[in-house]
């Protein structure tokens, strides 16, 4: 029995070190789908590392790291006084308190700016269109509006991370354990790769492989697990295990 699993790496462009680790995970590892953060200064460098490599690229729309591509004065609900995006903890705090501070028109403006930048960087539409995880129903609505307007294949965030989201006609069960204590990417991957789903469903194994540099260490709470995921993704033992258990990595392009 063939087991299918979608292995995705987020955050191309977050920092130079992240780019190097992520590119290694594609070139030497099992990653086949990669989310590009269009607003980050290192995105162009990250794409250059993947030039000529067969990989499914998507837009990993981001409104909680770095600076916006639209005028900060036109999107005050999304930025701090220095013009940087509000951090993810602000969104999480507001979500817990039942407060929604994102303004729909402002979110649409920034999402469209990032889409235009993605087209400049990649030269074609994203193969999937989704977002860096933000606890905001307004942002999710804005993403859907832009996707419909531009004719993009939207990958909605699951409302319940234990349940599925739908891409085209396939149900995807998200697995993203990297923020959990004691995270072991080997154990998580092997567990999820062998899970049995219905015919039109499979696991979406979301990784954030990368190496560490000053920017990442001062801007992200996700650090050491990134390096562990590079190691796992590129480990020949994982490839051998996949052959032994008939595990096939698919991309968003393979989903009907």
Protein backbone atom coordinates (compact mmCIF):
# COMPACT_ATOMS: atom_id res chain seq x y z
CA UNK A 1 0.00 0.00 0.00
CA UNK A 2 1.37 3.39 -1.02
CA UNK A 3 1.21 6.11 1.63
CA UNK A 4 1.07 9.70 0.32
CA UNK A 5 2.22 12.69 2.34
CA UNK A 6 2.62 16.34 1.36
CA UNK A 7 5.85 17.79 2.78
CA UNK A 8 5.96 21.58 2.81
CA UNK A 9 8.63 24.01 4.00
CA UNK A 10 7.56 27.52 4.99
CA UNK A 11 9.48 30.77 5.39
CA UNK A 12 11.74 31.03 2.33
CA UNK A 13 13.13 34.54 2.68
CA UNK A 14 12.86 34.86 6.45
CA UNK A 15 16.64 35.20 6.72
CA UNK A 16 19.76 34.18 4.83
CA UNK A 17 20.47 31.29 7.18
CA UNK A 18 16.91 30.01 6.87
CA UNK A 19 17.32 30.10 3.09
CA UNK A 20 20.45 27.96 3.18
CA UNK A 21 18.89 25.31 5.38
CA UNK A 22 15.64 25.31 3.46
CA UNK A 23 17.38 25.03 0.09
CA UNK A 24 19.42 22.09 1.39
CA UNK A 25 16.20 20.41 2.52
CA UNK A 26 14.90 20.66 -1.05
CA UNK A 27 18.07 19.81 -2.98
CA UNK A 28 19.23 16.98 -0.71
CA UNK A 29 16.05 16.14 1.18
CA UNK A 30 12.38 15.31 0.99
CA UNK A 31 10.85 18.80 0.77
CA UNK A 32 8.93 19.31 -2.48
CA UNK A 33 6.72 22.36 -1.73
CA UNK A 34 8.07 25.71 -0.51
CA UNK A 35 6.30 28.84 0.74
CA UNK A 36 7.86 32.17 -0.26
CA UNK A 37 7.55 35.24 2.00
CA UNK A 38 7.39 38.00 -0.64
CA UNK A 39 7.93 40.92 1.73
CA UNK A 40 11.21 39.73 3.24
CA UNK A 41 14.51 41.16 1.90
CA UNK A 42 16.10 37.69 1.63
CA UNK A 43 13.37 36.17 -0.54
CA UNK A 44 15.17 36.92 -3.81
CA UNK A 45 18.35 35.30 -2.47
CA UNK A 46 16.38 32.24 -1.35
CA UNK A 47 14.80 31.81 -4.77
CA UNK A 48 18.21 32.10 -6.38
CA UNK A 49 19.37 29.14 -4.29
CA UNK A 50 16.50 27.11 -5.77
CA UNK A 51 16.99 28.22 -9.36
CA UNK A 52 16.73 25.25 -11.71
CA UNK A 53 15.41 22.95 -8.97
CA UNK A 54 12.06 21.23 -9.48
CA UNK A 55 9.91 22.45 -6.60
CA UNK A 56 6.30 23.56 -6.07
CA UNK A 57 6.37 27.22 -5.00
CA UNK A 58 3.57 28.98 -3.15
CA UNK A 59 2.95 32.39 -1.61
CA UNK A 60 3.39 32.31 2.16
CA UNK A 61 1.66 35.63 2.79
CA UNK A 62 3.12 37.28 5.87
CA UNK A 63 1.87 40.15 8.05
CA UNK A 64 3.78 39.50 11.27
CA UNK A 65 7.48 39.61 10.33
CA UNK A 66 9.54 42.35 8.71
CA UNK A 67 8.11 45.37 6.95
CA UNK A 68 5.07 45.63 4.66
CA UNK A 69 5.29 46.19 0.93
CA UNK A 70 2.44 48.70 0.97
CA UNK A 71 2.69 52.14 2.57
CA UNK A 72 2.59 51.66 6.39
CA UNK A 73 0.49 54.80 6.72
CA UNK A 74 -2.24 53.12 4.67
CA UNK A 75 -2.34 49.98 6.84
CA UNK A 76 -2.16 51.27 10.44
CA UNK A 77 -4.02 48.28 11.88
CA UNK A 78 -1.18 45.95 10.78
CA UNK A 79 1.94 47.85 11.83
CA UNK A 80 3.73 49.24 14.85
CA UNK A 81 4.91 52.84 15.19
CA UNK A 82 8.25 52.05 13.51
CA UNK A 83 6.48 50.70 10.42
CA UNK A 84 7.20 47.04 11.11
CA UNK A 85 4.42 44.49 11.15
CA UNK A 86 2.85 43.74 14.50
CA UNK A 87 4.29 40.45 15.83
CA UNK A 88 2.33 37.22 15.91
CA UNK A 89 1.94 37.44 19.69
CA UNK A 90 -0.22 40.57 19.22
CA UNK A 91 -2.59 38.62 16.99
CA UNK A 92 -2.69 35.71 19.41
CA UNK A 93 -3.38 37.97 22.38
CA UNK A 94 -6.21 39.72 20.53
CA UNK A 95 -7.65 36.36 19.45
CA UNK A 96 -7.67 35.06 23.03
CA UNK A 97 -9.38 38.26 24.19
CA UNK A 98 -11.98 38.08 21.42
CA UNK A 99 -10.69 41.27 19.83
CA UNK A 100 -10.16 41.67 16.07
CA UNK A 101 -7.93 44.62 15.17
CA UNK A 102 -7.22 43.82 11.51
CA UNK A 103 -9.06 46.11 9.08
CA UNK A 104 -10.26 44.22 6.01
CA UNK A 105 -9.38 46.80 3.35
CA UNK A 106 -5.91 47.26 4.82
CA UNK A 107 -5.26 43.52 4.82
CA UNK A 108 -6.39 43.27 1.20
CA UNK A 109 -4.05 46.11 0.24
CA UNK A 110 -1.02 44.38 1.74
CA UNK A 111 -1.92 40.93 0.43
CA UNK A 112 -2.22 42.33 -3.09
CA UNK A 113 1.14 44.10 -2.72
CA UNK A 114 2.76 40.83 -1.69
CA UNK A 115 1.12 39.01 -4.58
CA UNK A 116 2.52 41.56 -7.04
CA UNK A 117 5.97 41.17 -5.50
CA UNK A 118 5.67 37.38 -5.73
CA UNK A 119 4.98 37.68 -9.46
CA UNK A 120 8.05 39.90 -9.85
CA UNK A 121 10.24 37.44 -7.95
CA UNK A 122 9.00 34.14 -9.39
CA UNK A 123 7.62 35.10 -12.79
CA UNK A 124 4.41 33.06 -12.49
CA UNK A 125 1.41 32.65 -10.24
CA UNK A 126 1.93 30.73 -6.99
CA UNK A 127 1.02 27.05 -7.20
CA UNK A 128 -0.74 27.50 -3.86
CA UNK A 129 -1.77 30.64 -1.99
CA UNK A 130 -1.82 30.69 1.81
CA UNK A 131 -0.62 32.56 4.86
CA UNK A 132 1.87 32.59 7.67
CA UNK A 133 -0.28 31.48 10.61
CA UNK A 134 -2.12 34.46 12.06
CA UNK A 135 -5.07 34.27 14.44
CA UNK A 136 -7.33 36.65 12.55
CA UNK A 137 -10.62 35.84 10.84
CA UNK A 138 -10.47 39.17 9.00
CA UNK A 139 -7.08 38.35 7.52
CA UNK A 140 -8.37 34.94 6.40
CA UNK A 141 -11.32 36.67 4.73
CA UNK A 142 -9.01 39.14 2.99
CA UNK A 143 -6.85 36.30 1.71
CA UNK A 144 -9.92 34.57 0.25
CA UNK A 145 -11.05 37.81 -1.44
CA UNK A 146 -7.68 38.31 -3.14
CA UNK A 147 -7.50 34.64 -4.16
CA UNK A 148 -10.89 34.85 -5.84
CA UNK A 149 -10.06 38.14 -7.54
CA UNK A 150 -6.76 36.86 -8.94
CA UNK A 151 -7.88 33.30 -9.69
CA UNK A 152 -5.51 31.67 -7.22
CA UNK A 153 -5.69 28.26 -5.58
CA UNK A 154 -6.33 29.17 -1.96
CA UNK A 155 -5.19 26.94 0.87
CA UNK A 156 -7.32 28.11 3.82
CA UNK A 157 -6.02 27.81 7.34
CA UNK A 158 -7.91 25.04 9.14
CA UNK A 159 -10.33 26.43 11.70
CA UNK A 160 -9.43 23.47 13.89
CA UNK A 161 -5.82 22.31 13.59
CA UNK A 162 -6.91 18.76 14.43
CA UNK A 163 -9.27 18.80 11.47
CA UNK A 164 -8.75 19.17 7.74
CA UNK A 165 -8.60 22.07 5.35
CA UNK A 166 -9.46 21.65 1.69
CA UNK A 167 -7.25 22.38 -1.31
CA UNK A 168 -9.05 21.92 -4.61
CA UNK A 169 -10.88 18.66 -3.89
CA UNK A 170 -8.43 17.15 -1.40
CA UNK A 171 -8.73 17.24 2.37
CA UNK A 172 -5.43 18.04 4.06
CA UNK A 173 -4.76 17.32 7.72
CA UNK A 174 -2.10 19.75 8.90
CA UNK A 175 0.75 18.45 11.05
CA UNK A 176 3.02 21.11 12.55
CA UNK A 177 4.66 19.97 15.78
CA UNK A 178 7.79 22.14 15.69
CA UNK A 179 6.58 24.51 18.42
CA UNK A 180 5.73 21.69 20.83
CA UNK A 181 8.09 20.75 23.70
CA UNK A 182 10.33 17.78 22.97
CA UNK A 183 9.70 17.94 19.24
CA UNK A 184 11.25 15.04 17.32
CA UNK A 185 10.87 15.54 13.55
CA UNK A 186 11.81 11.92 12.85
CA UNK A 187 9.06 10.56 15.07
CA UNK A 188 6.49 13.09 13.83
CA UNK A 189 7.20 12.37 10.18
CA UNK A 190 7.11 8.60 10.56
CA UNK A 191 3.88 8.79 12.55
CA UNK A 192 2.11 11.04 10.06
CA UNK A 193 3.40 9.36 6.90
CA UNK A 194 1.70 6.10 7.85
CA UNK A 195 -1.64 7.50 8.96
CA UNK A 196 -4.62 6.15 7.06
CA UNK A 197 -6.97 8.68 5.53
CA UNK A 198 -9.83 8.41 3.07
CA UNK A 199 -9.13 8.31 -0.64
CA UNK A 200 -9.24 12.11 -1.09
CA UNK A 201 -7.34 13.04 2.08
CA UNK A 202 -3.75 13.05 3.26
CA UNK A 203 -1.36 14.60 5.75
CA UNK A 204 0.18 18.02 5.08
CA UNK A 205 3.46 17.90 6.99
CA UNK A 206 4.50 21.53 7.53
CA UNK A 207 8.16 22.19 8.30
CA UNK A 208 10.30 25.28 8.85
CA UNK A 209 13.79 23.99 8.02
CA UNK A 210 16.65 26.44 8.25
CA UNK A 211 19.88 27.42 9.91
CA UNK A 212 20.29 30.16 12.48
CA UNK A 213 21.64 33.70 12.16
CA UNK A 214 21.36 36.92 14.13
CA UNK A 215 18.19 38.09 12.42
CA UNK A 216 16.34 34.85 13.09
CA UNK A 217 17.52 34.63 16.69
CA UNK A 218 16.29 38.15 17.40
CA UNK A 219 12.99 37.93 15.52
CA UNK A 220 11.66 34.38 15.81
CA UNK A 221 10.77 32.08 18.68
CA UNK A 222 11.28 29.05 16.42
CA UNK A 223 15.02 28.33 16.38
CA UNK A 224 16.63 24.93 17.15
CA UNK A 225 13.76 22.87 15.65
CA UNK A 226 14.54 24.46 12.29
CA UNK A 227 18.00 22.89 12.29
CA UNK A 228 16.59 19.55 13.43
CA UNK A 229 14.22 19.57 10.48
CA UNK A 230 17.07 20.16 8.03
CA UNK A 231 18.85 17.16 9.50
CA UNK A 232 15.78 14.94 9.27
CA UNK A 233 14.80 16.05 5.77
CA UNK A 234 18.27 15.26 4.39
CA UNK A 235 18.95 12.07 6.34
CA UNK A 236 19.46 9.02 4.06
CA UNK A 237 17.86 6.93 6.82
CA UNK A 238 14.57 8.72 6.21
CA UNK A 239 14.75 8.02 2.49
CA UNK A 240 15.45 4.35 3.19
CA UNK A 241 12.55 4.21 5.63
CA UNK A 242 10.25 5.77 3.02
CA UNK A 243 11.23 3.15 0.45
CA UNK A 244 10.73 0.36 2.99
CA UNK A 245 7.24 1.62 3.88
CA UNK A 246 6.26 2.76 0.37
CA UNK A 247 5.87 6.45 1.33
CA UNK A 248 5.50 8.93 -1.50
CA UNK A 249 5.90 12.70 -1.13
CA UNK A 250 3.43 14.67 -3.23
CA UNK A 251 3.02 18.40 -3.93
CA UNK A 252 0.04 20.71 -4.35
CA UNK A 253 0.40 20.22 -8.10
CA UNK A 254 -0.48 16.55 -7.64
CA UNK A 255 -3.79 17.29 -5.96
CA UNK A 256 -6.95 17.32 -8.04
